Amino acid sequence: MQVFNVQGMSCGHCVKAITNAVQAKDPAASVRVDLAAKEVGVESALTSDQVIKAISEEGYAVTLA
């Protein structure tokens, strides 16, 4: 599982937006969002750069944890 620090997440809508963004690129991806820790865990065939790009396109600041 790859873990990313994501700034700007605050609610269920954010969780859904990030999950949908990653799963649009890899429908089989497993996405775990921890709003309190500002972390997103992704289990996917995507590279970390692809995941960062997908989340960034939703307007979030994201870095590899």
PDB file of N, CA and C in Angstrom:
ATOM      1  N   MET A   1       0.832  -1.183   0.000  1.00  0.00           N
ATOM      2  CA  MET A   1       0.000   0.000   0.000  1.00  0.00           C
ATOM      3  C   MET A   1       0.880   1.250   0.000  1.00  0.00           C
ATOM      4  N   GLN A   2       0.560   2.180  -0.873  1.00  0.00           N
ATOM      5  CA  GLN A   2       1.240   3.470  -0.932  1.00  0.00           C
ATOM      6  C   GLN A   2       0.467   4.446  -0.054  1.00  0.00           C
ATOM      7  N   VAL A   3       1.179   5.276   0.698  1.00  0.00           N
ATOM      8  CA  VAL A   3       0.518   6.244   1.570  1.00  0.00           C
ATOM      9  C   VAL A   3       0.913   7.652   1.136  1.00  0.00           C
ATOM     10  N   PHE A   4      -0.092   8.526   1.065  1.00  0.00           N
ATOM     11  CA  PHE A   4       0.115   9.896   0.612  1.00  0.00           C
ATOM     12  C   PHE A   4      -0.404  10.868   1.659  1.00  0.00           C
ATOM     13  N   ASN A   5       0.284  12.000   1.811  1.00  0.00           N
ATOM     14  CA  ASN A   5      -0.217  13.096   2.637  1.00  0.00           C
ATOM     15  C   ASN A   5      -1.027  13.992   1.710  1.00  0.00           C
ATOM     16  N   VAL A   6      -2.280  14.258   2.092  1.00  0.00           N
ATOM     17  CA  VAL A   6      -3.156  15.064   1.255  1.00  0.00           C
ATOM     18  C   VAL A   6      -3.718  16.212   2.085  1.00  0.00           C
ATOM     19  N   GLN A   7      -3.417  17.440   1.665  1.00  0.00           N
ATOM     20  CA  GLN A   7      -3.906  18.628   2.360  1.00  0.00           C
ATOM     21  C   GLN A   7      -5.205  19.095   1.709  1.00  0.00           C
ATOM     22  N   GLY A   8      -6.117  19.611   2.522  1.00  0.00           N
ATOM     23  CA  GLY A   8      -7.356  20.166   1.993  1.00  0.00           C
ATOM     24  C   GLY A   8      -8.565  19.255   2.116  1.00  0.00           C
ATOM     25  N   MET A   9      -8.376  18.039   2.632  1.00  0.00           N
ATOM     26  CA  MET A   9      -9.518  17.134   2.821  1.00  0.00           C
ATOM     27  C   MET A   9     -10.220  17.508   4.121  1.00  0.00           C
ATOM     28  N   SER A  10     -11.567  17.566   4.078  1.00  0.00           N
ATOM     29  CA  SER A  10     -12.273  17.937   5.307  1.00  0.00           C
ATOM     30  C   SER A  10     -13.594  17.212   5.518  1.00  0.00           C
ATOM     31  N   CYS A  11     -14.086  16.505   4.500  1.00  0.00           N
ATOM     32  CA  CYS A  11     -15.429  15.939   4.653  1.00  0.00           C
ATOM     33  C   CYS A  11     -15.613  14.694   3.781  1.00  0.00           C
ATOM     34  N   GLY A  12     -16.790  14.142   3.864  1.00  0.00           N
ATOM     35  CA  GLY A  12     -17.128  12.959   3.075  1.00  0.00           C
ATOM     36  C   GLY A  12     -17.058  13.205   1.580  1.00  0.00           C
ATOM     37  N   HIS A  13     -17.388  14.432   1.162  1.00  0.00           N
ATOM     38  CA  HIS A  13     -17.302  14.762  -0.264  1.00  0.00           C
ATOM     39  C   HIS A  13     -15.861  14.635  -0.744  1.00  0.00           C
ATOM     40  N   CYS A  14     -14.911  15.090   0.097  1.00  0.00           N
ATOM     41  CA  CYS A  14     -13.491  14.994  -0.244  1.00  0.00           C
ATOM     42  C   CYS A  14     -13.078  13.525  -0.402  1.00  0.00           C
ATOM     43  N   VAL A  15     -13.531  12.698   0.525  1.00  0.00           N
ATOM     44  CA  VAL A  15     -13.222  11.262   0.477  1.00  0.00           C
ATOM     45  C   VAL A  15     -13.728  10.679  -0.838  1.00  0.00           C
ATOM     46  N   LYS A  16     -14.961  10.997  -1.195  1.00  0.00           N
ATOM     47  CA  LYS A  16     -15.567  10.472  -2.417  1.00  0.00           C
ATOM     48  C   LYS A  16     -14.829  10.982  -3.661  1.00  0.00           C
ATOM     49  N   ALA A  17     -14.472  12.258  -3.665  1.00  0.00           N
ATOM     50  CA  ALA A  17     -13.779  12.837  -4.817  1.00  0.00           C
ATOM     51  C   ALA A  17     -12.421  12.162  -5.036  1.00  0.00           C
ATOM     52  N   ILE A  18     -11.684  11.956  -3.945  1.00  0.00           N
ATOM     53  CA  ILE A  18     -10.365  11.330  -4.053  1.00  0.00           C
ATOM     54  C   ILE A  18     -10.490   9.862  -4.455  1.00  0.00           C
ATOM     55  N   THR A  19     -11.423   9.157  -3.829  1.00  0.00           N
ATOM     56  CA  THR A  19     -11.639   7.741  -4.169  1.00  0.00           C
ATOM     57  C   THR A  19     -12.011   7.602  -5.639  1.00  0.00           C
ATOM     58  N   ASN A  20     -12.960   8.415  -6.096  1.00  0.00           N
ATOM     59  CA  ASN A  20     -13.400   8.349  -7.496  1.00  0.00           C
ATOM     60  C   ASN A  20     -12.283   8.698  -8.464  1.00  0.00           C
ATOM     61  N   ALA A  21     -11.446   9.681  -8.093  1.00  0.00           N
ATOM     62  CA  ALA A  21     -10.340  10.092  -8.968  1.00  0.00           C
ATOM     63  C   ALA A  21      -9.355   8.954  -9.171  1.00  0.00           C
ATOM     64  N   VAL A  22      -9.013   8.258  -8.086  1.00  0.00           N
ATOM     65  CA  VAL A  22      -8.064   7.138  -8.193  1.00  0.00           C
ATOM     66  C   VAL A  22      -8.707   5.966  -8.935  1.00  0.00           C
ATOM     67  N   GLN A  23      -9.957   5.657  -8.582  1.00  0.00           N
ATOM     68  CA  GLN A  23     -10.618   4.509  -9.215  1.00  0.00           C
ATOM     69  C   GLN A  23     -10.987   4.769 -10.671  1.00  0.00           C
ATOM     70  N   ALA A  24     -11.013   6.022 -11.102  1.00  0.00           N
ATOM     71  CA  ALA A  24     -11.229   6.318 -12.520  1.00  0.00           C
ATOM     72  C   ALA A  24     -10.031   5.850 -13.337  1.00  0.00           C
ATOM     73  N   LYS A  25      -8.845   5.898 -12.725  1.00  0.00           N
ATOM     74  CA  LYS A  25      -7.617   5.458 -13.407  1.00  0.00           C
ATOM     75  C   LYS A  25      -7.372   3.958 -13.220  1.00  0.00           C
ATOM     76  N   ASP A  26      -7.819   3.419 -12.075  1.00  0.00           N
ATOM     77  CA  ASP A  26      -7.683   1.985 -11.779  1.00  0.00           C
ATOM     78  C   ASP A  26      -8.919   1.530 -11.011  1.00  0.00           C
ATOM     79  N   PRO A  27      -9.922   1.008 -11.720  1.00  0.00           N
ATOM     80  CA  PRO A  27     -11.176   0.608 -11.068  1.00  0.00           C
ATOM     81  C   PRO A  27     -11.004  -0.421  -9.954  1.00  0.00           C
ATOM     82  N   ALA A  28      -9.914  -1.175  -9.965  1.00  0.00           N
ATOM     83  CA  ALA A  28      -9.687  -2.194  -8.941  1.00  0.00           C
ATOM     84  C   ALA A  28      -8.947  -1.644  -7.720  1.00  0.00           C
ATOM     85  N   ALA A  29      -8.605  -0.373  -7.746  1.00  0.00           N
ATOM     86  CA  ALA A  29      -7.826   0.218  -6.655  1.00  0.00           C
ATOM     87  C   ALA A  29      -8.609   0.219  -5.348  1.00  0.00           C
ATOM     88  N   SER A  30      -7.888  -0.010  -4.251  1.00  0.00           N
ATOM     89  CA  SER A  30      -8.450   0.094  -2.911  1.00  0.00           C
ATOM     90  C   SER A  30      -7.937   1.402  -2.321  1.00  0.00           C
ATOM     91  N   VAL A  31      -8.869   2.266  -1.872  1.00  0.00           N
ATOM     92  CA  VAL A  31      -8.499   3.582  -1.353  1.00  0.00           C
ATOM     93  C   VAL A  31      -8.985   3.709   0.083  1.00  0.00           C
ATOM     94  N   ARG A  32      -8.062   4.072   0.994  1.00  0.00           N
ATOM     95  CA  ARG A  32      -8.408   4.280   2.402  1.00  0.00           C
ATOM     96  C   ARG A  32      -8.054   5.720   2.755  1.00  0.00           C
ATOM     97  N   VAL A  33      -9.057   6.474   3.213  1.00  0.00           N
ATOM     98  CA  VAL A  33      -8.836   7.879   3.546  1.00  0.00           C
ATOM     99  C   VAL A  33      -8.969   8.081   5.055  1.00  0.00           C
ATOM    100  N   ASP A  34      -7.964   8.737   5.641  1.00  0.00           N
ATOM    101  CA  ASP A  34      -7.999   9.100   7.058  1.00  0.00           C
ATOM    102  C   ASP A  34      -7.988  10.626   7.119  1.00  0.00           C
ATOM    103  N   LEU A  35      -9.183  11.216   7.277  1.00  0.00           N
ATOM    104  CA  LEU A  35      -9.302  12.673   7.277  1.00  0.00           C
ATOM    105  C   LEU A  35      -8.490  13.304   8.398  1.00  0.00           C
ATOM    106  N   ALA A  36      -8.546  12.726   9.595  1.00  0.00           N
ATOM    107  CA  ALA A  36      -7.860  13.308  10.752  1.00  0.00           C
ATOM    108  C   ALA A  36      -6.346  13.357  10.547  1.00  0.00           C
ATOM    109  N   ALA A  37      -5.794  12.300   9.978  1.00  0.00           N
ATOM    110  CA  ALA A  37      -4.347  12.234   9.759  1.00  0.00           C
ATOM    111  C   ALA A  37      -3.942  12.871   8.434  1.00  0.00           C
ATOM    112  N   LYS A  38      -4.930  13.255   7.622  1.00  0.00           N
ATOM    113  CA  LYS A  38      -4.680  13.799   6.283  1.00  0.00           C
ATOM    114  C   LYS A  38      -3.866  12.829   5.429  1.00  0.00           C
ATOM    115  N   GLU A  39      -4.225  11.549   5.545  1.00  0.00           N
ATOM    116  CA  GLU A  39      -3.527  10.516   4.787  1.00  0.00           C
ATOM    117  C   GLU A  39      -4.487   9.736   3.898  1.00  0.00           C
ATOM    118  N   VAL A  40      -3.969   9.326   2.765  1.00  0.00           N
ATOM    119  CA  VAL A  40      -4.713   8.466   1.842  1.00  0.00           C
ATOM    120  C   VAL A  40      -3.835   7.267   1.532  1.00  0.00           C
ATOM    121  N   GLY A  41      -4.361   6.070   1.784  1.00  0.00           N
ATOM    122  CA  GLY A  41      -3.663   4.834   1.443  1.00  0.00           C
ATOM    123  C   GLY A  41      -4.267   4.265   0.176  1.00  0.00           C
ATOM    124  N   VAL A  42      -3.405   3.904  -0.762  1.00  0.00           N
ATOM    125  CA  VAL A  42      -3.885   3.385  -2.052  1.00  0.00           C
ATOM    126  C   VAL A  42      -3.182   2.071  -2.357  1.00  0.00           C
ATOM    127  N   GLU A  43      -3.991   1.057  -2.614  1.00  0.00           N
ATOM    128  CA  GLU A  43      -3.454  -0.221  -3.083  1.00  0.00           C
ATOM    129  C   GLU A  43      -3.904  -0.346  -4.528  1.00  0.00           C
ATOM    130  N   SER A  44      -2.933  -0.268  -5.446  1.00  0.00           N
ATOM    131  CA  SER A  44      -3.279  -0.175  -6.851  1.00  0.00           C
ATOM    132  C   SER A  44      -2.092  -0.555  -7.718  1.00  0.00           C
ATOM    133  N   ALA A  45      -2.390  -0.820  -8.982  1.00  0.00           N
ATOM    134  CA  ALA A  45      -1.335  -1.075  -9.958  1.00  0.00           C
ATOM    135  C   ALA A  45      -0.733   0.242 -10.451  1.00  0.00           C
ATOM    136  N   LEU A  46      -1.344   1.365 -10.093  1.00  0.00           N
ATOM    137  CA  LEU A  46      -0.845   2.669 -10.510  1.00  0.00           C
ATOM    138  C   LEU A  46       0.471   2.997  -9.800  1.00  0.00           C
ATOM    139  N   THR A  47       1.314   3.776 -10.464  1.00  0.00           N
ATOM    140  CA  THR A  47       2.534   4.248  -9.817  1.00  0.00           C
ATOM    141  C   THR A  47       2.163   5.379  -8.860  1.00  0.00           C
ATOM    142  N   SER A  48       3.074   5.703  -7.955  1.00  0.00           N
ATOM    143  CA  SER A  48       2.801   6.799  -7.023  1.00  0.00           C
ATOM    144  C   SER A  48       2.593   8.105  -7.778  1.00  0.00           C
ATOM    145  N   ASP A  49       3.336   8.322  -8.851  1.00  0.00           N
ATOM    146  CA  ASP A  49       3.168   9.545  -9.643  1.00  0.00           C
ATOM    147  C   ASP A  49       1.779   9.616 -10.278  1.00  0.00           C
ATOM    148  N   GLN A  50       1.262   8.475 -10.722  1.00  0.00           N
ATOM    149  CA  GLN A  50      -0.079   8.454 -11.321  1.00  0.00           C
ATOM    150  C   GLN A  50      -1.144   8.768 -10.271  1.00  0.00           C
ATOM    151  N   VAL A  51      -0.964   8.247  -9.056  1.00  0.00           N
ATOM    152  CA  VAL A  51      -1.911   8.515  -7.975  1.00  0.00           C
ATOM    153  C   VAL A  51      -1.854   9.989  -7.595  1.00  0.00           C
ATOM    154  N   ILE A  52      -0.644  10.534  -7.461  1.00  0.00           N
ATOM    155  CA  ILE A  52      -0.482  11.948  -7.124  1.00  0.00           C
ATOM    156  C   ILE A  52      -1.162  12.823  -8.177  1.00  0.00           C
ATOM    157  N   LYS A  53      -0.973  12.490  -9.435  1.00  0.00           N
ATOM    158  CA  LYS A  53      -1.585  13.268 -10.522  1.00  0.00           C
ATOM    159  C   LYS A  53      -3.110  13.211 -10.434  1.00  0.00           C
ATOM    160  N   ALA A  54      -3.664  12.034 -10.187  1.00  0.00           N
ATOM    161  CA  ALA A  54      -5.122  11.879 -10.112  1.00  0.00           C
ATOM    162  C   ALA A  54      -5.700  12.710  -8.964  1.00  0.00           C
ATOM    163  N   ILE A  55      -5.044  12.676  -7.801  1.00  0.00           N
ATOM    164  CA  ILE A  55      -5.541  13.426  -6.640  1.00  0.00           C
ATOM    165  C   ILE A  55      -5.324  14.922  -6.844  1.00  0.00           C
ATOM    166  N   SER A  56      -4.183  15.295  -7.405  1.00  0.00           N
ATOM    167  CA  SER A  56      -3.887  16.711  -7.673  1.00  0.00           C
ATOM    168  C   SER A  56      -4.919  17.322  -8.612  1.00  0.00           C
ATOM    169  N   GLU A  57      -5.369  16.539  -9.591  1.00  0.00           N
ATOM    170  CA  GLU A  57      -6.357  17.029 -10.551  1.00  0.00           C
ATOM    171  C   GLU A  57      -7.689  17.363  -9.875  1.00  0.00           C
ATOM    172  N   GLU A  58      -7.906  16.825  -8.678  1.00  0.00           N
ATOM    173  CA  GLU A  58      -9.119  17.146  -7.913  1.00  0.00           C
ATOM    174  C   GLU A  58      -8.933  18.411  -7.069  1.00  0.00           C
ATOM    175  N   GLY A  59      -7.730  18.975  -7.114  1.00  0.00           N
ATOM    176  CA  GLY A  59      -7.491  20.236  -6.423  1.00  0.00           C
ATOM    177  C   GLY A  59      -6.840  20.113  -5.056  1.00  0.00           C
ATOM    178  N   TYR A  60      -6.289  18.946  -4.745  1.00  0.00           N
ATOM    179  CA  TYR A  60      -5.658  18.722  -3.438  1.00  0.00           C
ATOM    180  C   TYR A  60      -4.133  18.768  -3.576  1.00  0.00           C
ATOM    181  N   ALA A  61      -3.468  19.262  -2.522  1.00  0.00           N
ATOM    182  CA  ALA A  61      -2.004  19.230  -2.464  1.00  0.00           C
ATOM    183  C   ALA A  61      -1.633  17.851  -1.910  1.00  0.00           C
ATOM    184  N   VAL A  62      -0.852  17.109  -2.667  1.00  0.00           N
ATOM    185  CA  VAL A  62      -0.553  15.718  -2.295  1.00  0.00           C
ATOM    186  C   VAL A  62       0.933  15.419  -2.451  1.00  0.00           C
ATOM    187  N   THR A  63       1.479  14.702  -1.462  1.00  0.00           N
ATOM    188  CA  THR A  63       2.865  14.256  -1.510  1.00  0.00           C
ATOM    189  C   THR A  63       2.929  12.815  -1.018  1.00  0.00           C
ATOM    190  N   LEU A  64       3.976  12.122  -1.406  1.00  0.00           N
ATOM    191  CA  LEU A  64       4.187  10.764  -0.929  1.00  0.00           C
ATOM    192  C   LEU A  64       4.601  10.832   0.533  1.00  0.00           C
ATOM    193  N   ALA A  65       3.960  10.035   1.379  1.00  0.00           N
ATOM    194  CA  ALA A  65       4.248  10.083   2.825  1.00  0.00           C
ATOM    195  C   ALA A  65       5.561   9.410   3.138  1.00  0.00           C
TER     196      ALA A  65
END
